[in-house]
């Protein structure tokens, strides 16, 4: 007879899937926040140097970063995952 009442039968790897997802999401959020700061600062410096077109492009990208951080949708997550790869 097999006993299922003991703790020896329980396999646990130490972290729940939700915890792993939260840690990955937290790292993703930090990366996107730093990307937004970088784009905002470089956009302001471009505007001050007279490159208004590039400054507007940076401002638009900051809006996309903000959208991918705040929106719970799948498209926002995909864009947020890929955006740092294309900009750095």
Protein backbone atom coordinates (compact mmCIF):
# COMPACT_ATOMS: atom_id res chain seq x y z
CA UNK A 1 0.00 0.00 0.00
CA UNK A 2 1.25 3.50 -0.84
CA UNK A 3 1.08 6.13 1.82
CA UNK A 4 0.18 9.61 0.57
CA UNK A 5 0.03 11.17 4.00
CA UNK A 6 3.75 11.87 4.45
CA UNK A 7 5.79 14.88 3.46
CA UNK A 8 8.32 12.59 1.77
CA UNK A 9 5.99 12.27 -1.20
CA UNK A 10 5.83 16.00 -1.81
CA UNK A 11 8.21 17.44 -4.36
CA UNK A 12 8.66 21.16 -4.17
CA UNK A 13 11.20 23.24 -6.03
CA UNK A 14 11.02 26.19 -3.65
CA UNK A 15 9.22 28.76 -5.78
CA UNK A 16 5.70 28.89 -7.06
CA UNK A 17 5.14 29.75 -10.73
CA UNK A 18 3.44 33.00 -9.66
CA UNK A 19 6.54 34.02 -7.71
CA UNK A 20 8.79 33.37 -10.70
CA UNK A 21 6.47 35.37 -12.95
CA UNK A 22 6.42 38.25 -10.47
CA UNK A 23 10.23 38.30 -10.30
CA UNK A 24 10.51 38.30 -14.10
CA UNK A 25 7.88 41.01 -14.34
CA UNK A 26 9.71 43.09 -11.77
CA UNK A 27 12.97 42.87 -13.75
CA UNK A 28 11.06 43.72 -16.93
CA UNK A 29 9.50 46.76 -15.26
CA UNK A 30 12.88 48.02 -14.05
CA UNK A 31 14.39 47.64 -17.51
CA UNK A 32 11.48 49.50 -19.11
CA UNK A 33 11.61 52.26 -16.52
CA UNK A 34 15.31 52.84 -17.17
CA UNK A 35 14.64 52.78 -20.91
CA UNK A 36 11.97 55.44 -20.42
CA UNK A 37 14.35 57.61 -18.37
CA UNK A 38 17.08 57.25 -20.99
CA UNK A 39 14.70 58.16 -23.81
CA UNK A 40 13.27 61.14 -21.92
CA UNK A 41 16.69 62.59 -21.05
CA UNK A 42 18.08 62.06 -24.54
CA UNK A 43 14.88 63.49 -26.04
CA UNK A 44 15.19 66.66 -23.97
CA UNK A 45 18.83 67.06 -24.93
CA UNK A 46 17.95 66.56 -28.59
CA UNK A 47 15.22 69.18 -28.34
CA UNK A 48 17.61 71.66 -26.73
CA UNK A 49 20.13 71.01 -29.52
CA UNK A 50 17.50 71.83 -32.15
CA UNK A 51 16.73 68.31 -33.36
CA UNK A 52 12.97 68.54 -32.90
CA UNK A 53 12.10 65.57 -35.12
CA UNK A 54 14.26 63.18 -33.13
CA UNK A 55 12.94 64.64 -29.88
CA UNK A 56 9.36 63.95 -30.98
CA UNK A 57 10.37 60.41 -31.93
CA UNK A 58 11.86 59.92 -28.47
CA UNK A 59 8.71 61.31 -26.82
CA UNK A 60 6.55 58.89 -28.82
CA UNK A 61 8.74 56.00 -27.77
CA UNK A 62 8.46 57.09 -24.12
CA UNK A 63 4.67 56.88 -24.54
CA UNK A 64 4.99 53.35 -25.94
CA UNK A 65 7.19 52.37 -22.98
CA UNK A 66 4.61 53.77 -20.57
CA UNK A 67 1.82 51.93 -22.35
CA UNK A 68 3.71 48.64 -22.20
CA UNK A 69 4.34 49.15 -18.47
CA UNK A 70 0.77 50.03 -17.52
CA UNK A 71 -1.35 47.94 -19.87
CA UNK A 72 -2.14 44.38 -18.77
CA UNK A 73 -2.70 43.19 -22.34
CA UNK A 74 -0.69 40.60 -24.22
CA UNK A 75 0.33 43.01 -26.98
CA UNK A 76 1.74 45.45 -24.42
CA UNK A 77 3.75 42.65 -22.82
CA UNK A 78 5.21 41.57 -26.18
CA UNK A 79 6.09 45.15 -27.13
CA UNK A 80 7.62 45.74 -23.71
CA UNK A 81 9.70 42.58 -24.00
CA UNK A 82 11.04 43.45 -27.45
CA UNK A 83 11.42 47.23 -27.20
CA UNK A 84 14.73 47.22 -25.27
CA UNK A 85 16.20 44.81 -27.80
CA UNK A 86 15.52 47.16 -30.70
CA UNK A 87 16.60 50.35 -28.95
CA UNK A 88 19.89 49.25 -27.39
